[in-house]
Amino acid sequence: MSTATDTPAGGAEAPASQPNKMFKNCWGCRILSGGGLILAGAYVFMAARRVMKRGGPTSMGTVAQITFAASLTAWGMVVITDPVGKSHPKT
């Protein structure tokens, strides 16, 4: 076990990287990435729908594709709305 502390060699604490905070404050970033996930979900759903329109049987693969498409779309909506930390008031 080491007895050294986790402080940088300079003695002062290094500023924490802020990409997560920047992503939460950047409305355009959230719209772009969330919209991309929603469009990806629509693409996967339409691929599964195309198989069913041609009269193909509804297999477990098709059901898995539709489920995956729904999860991609839901993930995109979560990214856009950004509910993290909004259930508790900031102190």
PDB file of N, CA and C in Angstrom:
ATOM      1  N   MET A   1       0.830  -1.167   0.000  1.00  0.00           N
ATOM      2  CA  MET A   1       0.000   0.000   0.000  1.00  0.00           C
ATOM      3  C   MET A   1       0.881   1.238   0.000  1.00  0.00           C
ATOM      4  N   SER A   2       0.464   2.201  -0.735  1.00  0.00           N
ATOM      5  CA  SER A   2       1.209   3.446  -0.842  1.00  0.00           C
ATOM      6  C   SER A   2       0.666   4.458   0.167  1.00  0.00           C
ATOM      7  N   THR A   3       1.575   5.250   0.715  1.00  0.00           N
ATOM      8  CA  THR A   3       1.157   6.286   1.647  1.00  0.00           C
ATOM      9  C   THR A   3       1.123   7.655   0.975  1.00  0.00           C
ATOM     10  N   ALA A   4       1.398   7.682  -0.317  1.00  0.00           N
ATOM     11  CA  ALA A   4       1.389   8.952  -1.047  1.00  0.00           C
ATOM     12  C   ALA A   4      -0.052   9.422  -1.249  1.00  0.00           C
ATOM     13  N   THR A   5      -0.201  10.725  -1.265  1.00  0.00           N
ATOM     14  CA  THR A   5      -1.531  11.284  -1.490  1.00  0.00           C
ATOM     15  C   THR A   5      -1.807  11.372  -2.986  1.00  0.00           C
ATOM     16  N   ASP A   6      -3.034  11.676  -3.338  1.00  0.00           N
ATOM     17  CA  ASP A   6      -3.432  11.747  -4.727  1.00  0.00           C
ATOM     18  C   ASP A   6      -3.357  13.164  -5.286  1.00  0.00           C
ATOM     19  N   THR A   7      -2.550  14.027  -4.699  1.00  0.00           N
ATOM     20  CA  THR A   7      -2.430  15.390  -5.199  1.00  0.00           C
ATOM     21  C   THR A   7      -1.362  15.427  -6.274  1.00  0.00           C
ATOM     22  N   PRO A   8      -1.469  16.348  -7.223  1.00  0.00           N
ATOM     23  CA  PRO A   8      -0.451  16.485  -8.256  1.00  0.00           C
ATOM     24  C   PRO A   8       0.890  16.900  -7.670  1.00  0.00           C
ATOM     25  N   ALA A   9       1.936  16.756  -8.468  1.00  0.00           N
ATOM     26  CA  ALA A   9       3.289  17.031  -7.989  1.00  0.00           C
ATOM     27  C   ALA A   9       3.489  18.504  -7.628  1.00  0.00           C
ATOM     28  N   GLY A  10       2.751  19.395  -8.233  1.00  0.00           N
ATOM     29  CA  GLY A  10       2.904  20.824  -7.965  1.00  0.00           C
ATOM     30  C   GLY A  10       2.348  21.242  -6.614  1.00  0.00           C
ATOM     31  N   GLY A  11       1.597  20.401  -5.976  1.00  0.00           N
ATOM     32  CA  GLY A  11       1.028  20.729  -4.681  1.00  0.00           C
ATOM     33  C   GLY A  11      -0.378  21.286  -4.790  1.00  0.00           C
ATOM     34  N   ALA A  12      -0.676  22.005  -5.832  1.00  0.00           N
ATOM     35  CA  ALA A  12      -2.023  22.552  -6.022  1.00  0.00           C
ATOM     36  C   ALA A  12      -2.870  21.513  -6.749  1.00  0.00           C
ATOM     37  N   GLU A  13      -4.129  21.541  -6.444  1.00  0.00           N
ATOM     38  CA  GLU A  13      -5.009  20.583  -7.108  1.00  0.00           C
ATOM     39  C   GLU A  13      -5.238  21.010  -8.544  1.00  0.00           C
ATOM     40  N   ALA A  14      -5.154  20.049  -9.440  1.00  0.00           N
ATOM     41  CA  ALA A  14      -5.381  20.332 -10.852  1.00  0.00           C
ATOM     42  C   ALA A  14      -6.885  20.508 -11.087  1.00  0.00           C
ATOM     43  N   PRO A  15      -7.275  21.409 -11.969  1.00  0.00           N
ATOM     44  CA  PRO A  15      -8.704  21.588 -12.235  1.00  0.00           C
ATOM     45  C   PRO A  15      -9.281  20.327 -12.873  1.00  0.00           C
ATOM     46  N   ALA A  16     -10.434  19.950 -12.410  1.00  0.00           N
ATOM     47  CA  ALA A  16     -11.085  18.760 -12.952  1.00  0.00           C
ATOM     48  C   ALA A  16     -11.530  19.036 -14.381  1.00  0.00           C
ATOM     49  N   SER A  17     -11.445  18.012 -15.216  1.00  0.00           N
ATOM     50  CA  SER A  17     -11.890  18.203 -16.595  1.00  0.00           C
ATOM     51  C   SER A  17     -13.407  18.405 -16.600  1.00  0.00           C
ATOM     52  N   GLN A  18     -13.869  19.269 -17.462  1.00  0.00           N
ATOM     53  CA  GLN A  18     -15.259  19.674 -17.457  1.00  0.00           C
ATOM     54  C   GLN A  18     -16.050  19.243 -18.687  1.00  0.00           C
ATOM     55  N   PRO A  19     -15.696  18.158 -19.402  1.00  0.00           N
ATOM     56  CA  PRO A  19     -16.486  17.830 -20.592  1.00  0.00           C
ATOM     57  C   PRO A  19     -17.918  17.424 -20.254  1.00  0.00           C
ATOM     58  N   ASN A  20     -18.126  16.769 -19.126  1.00  0.00           N
ATOM     59  CA  ASN A  20     -19.477  16.364 -18.754  1.00  0.00           C
ATOM     60  C   ASN A  20     -20.335  17.586 -18.446  1.00  0.00           C
ATOM     61  N   LYS A  21     -19.782  18.549 -17.734  1.00  0.00           N
ATOM     62  CA  LYS A  21     -20.514  19.766 -17.404  1.00  0.00           C
ATOM     63  C   LYS A  21     -20.780  20.593 -18.662  1.00  0.00           C
ATOM     64  N   MET A  22     -19.797  20.625 -19.564  1.00  0.00           N
ATOM     65  CA  MET A  22     -19.965  21.367 -20.796  1.00  0.00           C
ATOM     66  C   MET A  22     -21.073  20.738 -21.652  1.00  0.00           C
ATOM     67  N   PHE A  23     -21.139  19.419 -21.674  1.00  0.00           N
ATOM     68  CA  PHE A  23     -22.172  18.735 -22.454  1.00  0.00           C
ATOM     69  C   PHE A  23     -23.557  19.041 -21.910  1.00  0.00           C
ATOM     70  N   LYS A  24     -23.689  19.137 -20.594  1.00  0.00           N
ATOM     71  CA  LYS A  24     -24.986  19.427 -19.991  1.00  0.00           C
ATOM     72  C   LYS A  24     -25.431  20.855 -20.269  1.00  0.00           C
ATOM     73  N   ASN A  25     -24.501  21.777 -20.432  1.00  0.00           N
ATOM     74  CA  ASN A  25     -24.849  23.172 -20.663  1.00  0.00           C
ATOM     75  C   ASN A  25     -24.977  23.510 -22.140  1.00  0.00           C
ATOM     76  N   CYS A  26     -24.517  22.658 -23.013  1.00  0.00           N
ATOM     77  CA  CYS A  26     -24.509  22.939 -24.446  1.00  0.00           C
ATOM     78  C   CYS A  26     -25.795  22.399 -25.079  1.00  0.00           C
ATOM     79  N   TRP A  27     -26.763  23.286 -25.289  1.00  0.00           N
ATOM     80  CA  TRP A  27     -28.059  22.893 -25.840  1.00  0.00           C
ATOM     81  C   TRP A  27     -27.895  22.323 -27.247  1.00  0.00           C
ATOM     82  N   GLY A  28     -27.059  22.936 -28.064  1.00  0.00           N
ATOM     83  CA  GLY A  28     -26.847  22.459 -29.425  1.00  0.00           C
ATOM     84  C   GLY A  28     -26.239  21.059 -29.453  1.00  0.00           C
ATOM     85  N   CYS A  29     -25.331  20.784 -28.518  1.00  0.00           N
ATOM     86  CA  CYS A  29     -24.714  19.456 -28.450  1.00  0.00           C
ATOM     87  C   CYS A  29     -25.751  18.398 -28.092  1.00  0.00           C
ATOM     88  N   ARG A  30     -26.624  18.737 -27.154  1.00  0.00           N
ATOM     89  CA  ARG A  30     -27.654  17.784 -26.747  1.00  0.00           C
ATOM     90  C   ARG A  30     -28.653  17.546 -27.867  1.00  0.00           C
ATOM     91  N   ILE A  31     -29.031  18.597 -28.603  1.00  0.00           N
ATOM     92  CA  ILE A  31     -29.967  18.444 -29.711  1.00  0.00           C
ATOM     93  C   ILE A  31     -29.345  17.588 -30.808  1.00  0.00           C
ATOM     94  N   LEU A  32     -28.079  17.847 -31.124  1.00  0.00           N
ATOM     95  CA  LEU A  32     -27.408  17.108 -32.196  1.00  0.00           C
ATOM     96  C   LEU A  32     -27.265  15.624 -31.855  1.00  0.00           C
ATOM     97  N   SER A  33     -26.769  15.325 -30.669  1.00  0.00           N
ATOM     98  CA  SER A  33     -26.560  13.919 -30.318  1.00  0.00           C
ATOM     99  C   SER A  33     -27.881  13.205 -30.039  1.00  0.00           C
ATOM    100  N   GLY A  34     -28.816  13.876 -29.373  1.00  0.00           N
ATOM    101  CA  GLY A  34     -30.122  13.267 -29.125  1.00  0.00           C
ATOM    102  C   GLY A  34     -30.901  13.054 -30.412  1.00  0.00           C
ATOM    103  N   GLY A  35     -30.843  14.040 -31.299  1.00  0.00           N
ATOM    104  CA  GLY A  35     -31.506  13.891 -32.601  1.00  0.00           C
ATOM    105  C   GLY A  35     -30.892  12.777 -33.424  1.00  0.00           C
ATOM    106  N   GLY A  36     -29.582  12.626 -33.340  1.00  0.00           N
ATOM    107  CA  GLY A  36     -28.918  11.523 -34.039  1.00  0.00           C
ATOM    108  C   GLY A  36     -29.371  10.170 -33.521  1.00  0.00           C
ATOM    109  N   LEU A  37     -29.518  10.052 -32.210  1.00  0.00           N
ATOM    110  CA  LEU A  37     -29.999   8.794 -31.638  1.00  0.00           C
ATOM    111  C   LEU A  37     -31.451   8.516 -32.039  1.00  0.00           C
ATOM    112  N   ILE A  38     -32.272   9.554 -32.062  1.00  0.00           N
ATOM    113  CA  ILE A  38     -33.668   9.372 -32.470  1.00  0.00           C
ATOM    114  C   ILE A  38     -33.742   8.949 -33.933  1.00  0.00           C
ATOM    115  N   LEU A  39     -32.941   9.586 -34.791  1.00  0.00           N
ATOM    116  CA  LEU A  39     -32.930   9.204 -36.207  1.00  0.00           C
ATOM    117  C   LEU A  39     -32.373   7.797 -36.408  1.00  0.00           C
ATOM    118  N   ALA A  40     -31.394   7.406 -35.605  1.00  0.00           N
ATOM    119  CA  ALA A  40     -30.871   6.042 -35.690  1.00  0.00           C
ATOM    120  C   ALA A  40     -31.952   5.038 -35.290  1.00  0.00           C
ATOM    121  N   GLY A  41     -32.731   5.374 -34.269  1.00  0.00           N
ATOM    122  CA  GLY A  41     -33.841   4.513 -33.873  1.00  0.00           C
ATOM    123  C   GLY A  41     -34.881   4.402 -34.971  1.00  0.00           C
ATOM    124  N   ALA A  42     -35.166   5.518 -35.643  1.00  0.00           N
ATOM    125  CA  ALA A  42     -36.124   5.491 -36.753  1.00  0.00           C
ATOM    126  C   ALA A  42     -35.606   4.637 -37.905  1.00  0.00           C
ATOM    127  N   TYR A  43     -34.307   4.715 -38.181  1.00  0.00           N
ATOM    128  CA  TYR A  43     -33.705   3.913 -39.253  1.00  0.00           C
ATOM    129  C   TYR A  43     -33.808   2.416 -38.946  1.00  0.00           C
ATOM    130  N   VAL A  44     -33.484   2.048 -37.717  1.00  0.00           N
ATOM    131  CA  VAL A  44     -33.550   0.632 -37.332  1.00  0.00           C
ATOM    132  C   VAL A  44     -35.003   0.149 -37.365  1.00  0.00           C
ATOM    133  N   PHE A  45     -35.941   0.988 -36.909  1.00  0.00           N
ATOM    134  CA  PHE A  45     -37.351   0.611 -36.930  1.00  0.00           C
ATOM    135  C   PHE A  45     -37.839   0.415 -38.363  1.00  0.00           C
ATOM    136  N   MET A  46     -37.451   1.315 -39.262  1.00  0.00           N
ATOM    137  CA  MET A  46     -37.904   1.200 -40.651  1.00  0.00           C
ATOM    138  C   MET A  46     -37.308  -0.034 -41.336  1.00  0.00           C
ATOM    139  N   ALA A  47     -36.100  -0.420 -40.946  1.00  0.00           N
ATOM    140  CA  ALA A  47     -35.510  -1.639 -41.506  1.00  0.00           C
ATOM    141  C   ALA A  47     -36.311  -2.869 -41.070  1.00  0.00           C
ATOM    142  N   ALA A  48     -36.742  -2.895 -39.823  1.00  0.00           N
ATOM    143  CA  ALA A  48     -37.560  -4.015 -39.346  1.00  0.00           C
ATOM    144  C   ALA A  48     -38.942  -3.974 -39.971  1.00  0.00           C
ATOM    145  N   ARG A  49     -39.464  -2.787 -40.138  1.00  0.00           N
ATOM    146  CA  ARG A  49     -40.803  -2.616 -40.727  1.00  0.00           C
ATOM    147  C   ARG A  49     -40.820  -3.050 -42.196  1.00  0.00           C
ATOM    148  N   ARG A  50     -39.713  -2.801 -42.896  1.00  0.00           N
ATOM    149  CA  ARG A  50     -39.612  -3.184 -44.302  1.00  0.00           C
ATOM    150  C   ARG A  50     -39.741  -4.694 -44.475  1.00  0.00           C
ATOM    151  N   VAL A  51     -39.163  -5.459 -43.552  1.00  0.00           N
ATOM    152  CA  VAL A  51     -39.255  -6.920 -43.616  1.00  0.00           C
ATOM    153  C   VAL A  51     -40.703  -7.359 -43.433  1.00  0.00           C
ATOM    154  N   MET A  52     -41.414  -6.713 -42.508  1.00  0.00           N
ATOM    155  CA  MET A  52     -42.804  -7.099 -42.255  1.00  0.00           C
ATOM    156  C   MET A  52     -43.718  -6.672 -43.399  1.00  0.00           C
ATOM    157  N   LYS A  53     -43.413  -5.562 -44.063  1.00  0.00           N
ATOM    158  CA  LYS A  53     -44.243  -5.113 -45.185  1.00  0.00           C
ATOM    159  C   LYS A  53     -44.153  -6.060 -46.374  1.00  0.00           C
ATOM    160  N   ARG A  54     -43.003  -6.693 -46.542  1.00  0.00           N
ATOM    161  CA  ARG A  54     -42.819  -7.633 -47.650  1.00  0.00           C
ATOM    162  C   ARG A  54     -43.507  -8.970 -47.398  1.00  0.00           C
ATOM    163  N   GLY A  55     -44.112  -9.106 -46.266  1.00  0.00           N
ATOM    164  CA  GLY A  55     -44.825 -10.342 -45.951  1.00  0.00           C
ATOM    165  C   GLY A  55     -43.976 -11.381 -45.247  1.00  0.00           C
ATOM    166  N   GLY A  56     -42.814 -10.977 -44.806  1.00  0.00           N
ATOM    167  CA  GLY A  56     -41.952 -11.903 -44.079  1.00  0.00           C
ATOM    168  C   GLY A  56     -42.510 -12.187 -42.700  1.00  0.00           C
ATOM    169  N   PRO A  57     -42.145 -13.328 -42.158  1.00  0.00           N
ATOM    170  CA  PRO A  57     -42.656 -13.666 -40.825  1.00  0.00           C
ATOM    171  C   PRO A  57     -42.024 -12.760 -39.762  1.00  0.00           C
ATOM    172  N   THR A  58     -42.785 -12.518 -38.717  1.00  0.00           N
ATOM    173  CA  THR A  58     -42.272 -11.735 -37.606  1.00  0.00           C
ATOM    174  C   THR A  58     -41.467 -12.662 -36.712  1.00  0.00           C
ATOM    175  N   SER A  59     -40.164 -12.597 -36.863  1.00  0.00           N
ATOM    176  CA  SER A  59     -39.282 -13.482 -36.106  1.00  0.00           C
ATOM    177  C   SER A  59     -38.784 -12.778 -34.849  1.00  0.00           C
ATOM    178  N   MET A  60     -38.030 -13.489 -34.052  1.00  0.00           N
ATOM    179  CA  MET A  60     -37.447 -12.895 -32.849  1.00  0.00           C
ATOM    180  C   MET A  60     -36.449 -11.814 -33.221  1.00  0.00           C
ATOM    181  N   GLY A  61     -35.795 -11.941 -34.371  1.00  0.00           N
ATOM    182  CA  GLY A  61     -34.862 -10.919 -34.825  1.00  0.00           C
ATOM    183  C   GLY A  61     -35.567  -9.609 -35.119  1.00  0.00           C
ATOM    184  N   THR A  62     -36.747  -9.692 -35.734  1.00  0.00           N
ATOM    185  CA  THR A  62     -37.527  -8.491 -36.034  1.00  0.00           C
ATOM    186  C   THR A  62     -37.995  -7.832 -34.750  1.00  0.00           C
ATOM    187  N   VAL A  63     -38.441  -8.632 -33.803  1.00  0.00           N
ATOM    188  CA  VAL A  63     -38.873  -8.092 -32.509  1.00  0.00           C
ATOM    189  C   VAL A  63     -37.693  -7.447 -31.788  1.00  0.00           C
ATOM    190  N   ALA A  64     -36.525  -8.067 -31.871  1.00  0.00           N
ATOM    191  CA  ALA A  64     -35.332  -7.496 -31.240  1.00  0.00           C
ATOM    192  C   ALA A  64     -34.958  -6.171 -31.901  1.00  0.00           C
ATOM    193  N   GLN A  65     -35.101  -6.088 -33.226  1.00  0.00           N
ATOM    194  CA  GLN A  65     -34.813  -4.837 -33.926  1.00  0.00           C
ATOM    195  C   GLN A  65     -35.756  -3.725 -33.483  1.00  0.00           C
ATOM    196  N   ILE A  66     -37.027  -4.028 -33.370  1.00  0.00           N
ATOM    197  CA  ILE A  66     -38.001  -3.018 -32.955  1.00  0.00           C
ATOM    198  C   ILE A  66     -37.744  -2.583 -31.514  1.00  0.00           C
ATOM    199  N   THR A  67     -37.394  -3.524 -30.652  1.00  0.00           N
ATOM    200  CA  THR A  67     -37.071  -3.198 -29.262  1.00  0.00           C
ATOM    201  C   THR A  67     -35.829  -2.323 -29.187  1.00  0.00           C
ATOM    202  N   PHE A  68     -34.821  -2.660 -29.988  1.00  0.00           N
ATOM    203  CA  PHE A  68     -33.596  -1.868 -30.018  1.00  0.00           C
ATOM    204  C   PHE A  68     -33.880  -0.462 -30.551  1.00  0.00           C
ATOM    205  N   ALA A  69     -34.739  -0.365 -31.553  1.00  0.00           N
ATOM    206  CA  ALA A  69     -35.105   0.942 -32.102  1.00  0.00           C
ATOM    207  C   ALA A  69     -35.814   1.795 -31.052  1.00  0.00           C
ATOM    208  N   ALA A  70     -36.694   1.174 -30.282  1.00  0.00           N
ATOM    209  CA  ALA A  70     -37.396   1.915 -29.228  1.00  0.00           C
ATOM    210  C   ALA A  70     -36.421   2.387 -28.155  1.00  0.00           C
ATOM    211  N   SER A  71     -35.436   1.564 -27.824  1.00  0.00           N
ATOM    212  CA  SER A  71     -34.467   1.972 -26.802  1.00  0.00           C
ATOM    213  C   SER A  71     -33.559   3.086 -27.315  1.00  0.00           C
ATOM    214  N   LEU A  72     -33.176   3.050 -28.588  1.00  0.00           N
ATOM    215  CA  LEU A  72     -32.381   4.145 -29.149  1.00  0.00           C
ATOM    216  C   LEU A  72     -33.156   5.462 -29.120  1.00  0.00           C
ATOM    217  N   THR A  73     -34.432   5.390 -29.484  1.00  0.00           N
ATOM    218  CA  THR A  73     -35.263   6.586 -29.486  1.00  0.00           C
ATOM    219  C   THR A  73     -35.443   7.127 -28.073  1.00  0.00           C
ATOM    220  N   ALA A  74     -35.663   6.252 -27.121  1.00  0.00           N
ATOM    221  CA  ALA A  74     -35.814   6.688 -25.726  1.00  0.00           C
ATOM    222  C   ALA A  74     -34.520   7.306 -25.212  1.00  0.00           C
ATOM    223  N   TRP A  75     -33.392   6.734 -25.575  1.00  0.00           N
ATOM    224  CA  TRP A  75     -32.101   7.269 -25.157  1.00  0.00           C
ATOM    225  C   TRP A  75     -31.902   8.670 -25.741  1.00  0.00           C
ATOM    226  N   GLY A  76     -32.303   8.856 -26.990  1.00  0.00           N
ATOM    227  CA  GLY A  76     -32.206  10.173 -27.606  1.00  0.00           C
ATOM    228  C   GLY A  76     -33.054  11.204 -26.896  1.00  0.00           C
ATOM    229  N   MET A  77     -34.256  10.808 -26.488  1.00  0.00           N
ATOM    230  CA  MET A  77     -35.121  11.743 -25.761  1.00  0.00           C
ATOM    231  C   MET A  77     -34.542  12.086 -24.392  1.00  0.00           C
ATOM    232  N   VAL A  78     -33.913  11.120 -23.753  1.00  0.00           N
ATOM    233  CA  VAL A  78     -33.294  11.373 -22.448  1.00  0.00           C
ATOM    234  C   VAL A  78     -32.129  12.343 -22.605  1.00  0.00           C
ATOM    235  N   VAL A  79     -31.334  12.170 -23.660  1.00  0.00           N
ATOM    236  CA  VAL A  79     -30.203  13.070 -23.882  1.00  0.00           C
ATOM    237  C   VAL A  79     -30.700  14.494 -24.118  1.00  0.00           C
ATOM    238  N   ILE A  80     -31.764  14.654 -24.880  1.00  0.00           N
ATOM    239  CA  ILE A  80     -32.282  15.993 -25.171  1.00  0.00           C
ATOM    240  C   ILE A  80     -32.876  16.650 -23.926  1.00  0.00           C
ATOM    241  N   THR A  81     -33.668  15.907 -23.156  1.00  0.00           N
ATOM    242  CA  THR A  81     -34.325  16.503 -21.996  1.00  0.00           C
ATOM    243  C   THR A  81     -33.395  16.676 -20.808  1.00  0.00           C
ATOM    244  N   ASP A  82     -32.343  15.882 -20.707  1.00  0.00           N
ATOM    245  CA  ASP A  82     -31.332  15.986 -19.650  1.00  0.00           C
ATOM    246  C   ASP A  82     -31.959  15.983 -18.251  1.00  0.00           C
ATOM    247  N   PRO A  83     -32.557  14.862 -17.824  1.00  0.00           N
ATOM    248  CA  PRO A  83     -33.202  14.847 -16.514  1.00  0.00           C
ATOM    249  C   PRO A  83     -32.255  14.649 -15.333  1.00  0.00           C
ATOM    250  N   VAL A  84     -30.951  14.462 -15.574  1.00  0.00           N
ATOM    251  CA  VAL A  84     -30.024  14.188 -14.495  1.00  0.00           C
ATOM    252  C   VAL A  84     -29.920  15.404 -13.588  1.00  0.00           C
ATOM    253  N   GLY A  85     -30.163  15.192 -12.328  1.00  0.00           N
ATOM    254  CA  GLY A  85     -30.023  16.245 -11.336  1.00  0.00           C
ATOM    255  C   GLY A  85     -31.207  17.188 -11.256  1.00  0.00           C
ATOM    256  N   LYS A  86     -32.262  16.957 -12.010  1.00  0.00           N
ATOM    257  CA  LYS A  86     -33.399  17.857 -11.974  1.00  0.00           C
ATOM    258  C   LYS A  86     -34.477  17.419 -10.994  1.00  0.00           C
ATOM    259  N   SER A  87     -34.338  16.219 -10.421  1.00  0.00           N
ATOM    260  CA  SER A  87     -35.332  15.760  -9.463  1.00  0.00           C
ATOM    261  C   SER A  87     -35.102  16.355  -8.071  1.00  0.00           C
ATOM    262  N   HIS A  88     -33.878  16.796  -7.821  1.00  0.00           N
ATOM    263  CA  HIS A  88     -33.549  17.386  -6.529  1.00  0.00           C
ATOM    264  C   HIS A  88     -33.169  18.846  -6.742  1.00  0.00           C
ATOM    265  N   PRO A  89     -33.675  19.743  -5.919  1.00  0.00           N
ATOM    266  CA  PRO A  89     -33.288  21.159  -6.062  1.00  0.00           C
ATOM    267  C   PRO A  89     -31.820  21.343  -5.716  1.00  0.00           C
ATOM    268  N   LYS A  90     -31.162  22.246  -6.427  1.00  0.00           N
ATOM    269  CA  LYS A  90     -29.754  22.532  -6.161  1.00  0.00           C
ATOM    270  C   LYS A  90     -29.648  23.349  -4.880  1.00  0.00           C
ATOM    271  N   THR A  91     -28.649  23.021  -4.087  1.00  0.00           N
ATOM    272  CA  THR A  91     -28.454  23.757  -2.831  1.00  0.00           C
ATOM    273  C   THR A  91     -27.207  24.612  -2.909  1.00  0.00           C
TER     274      THR A  91
END
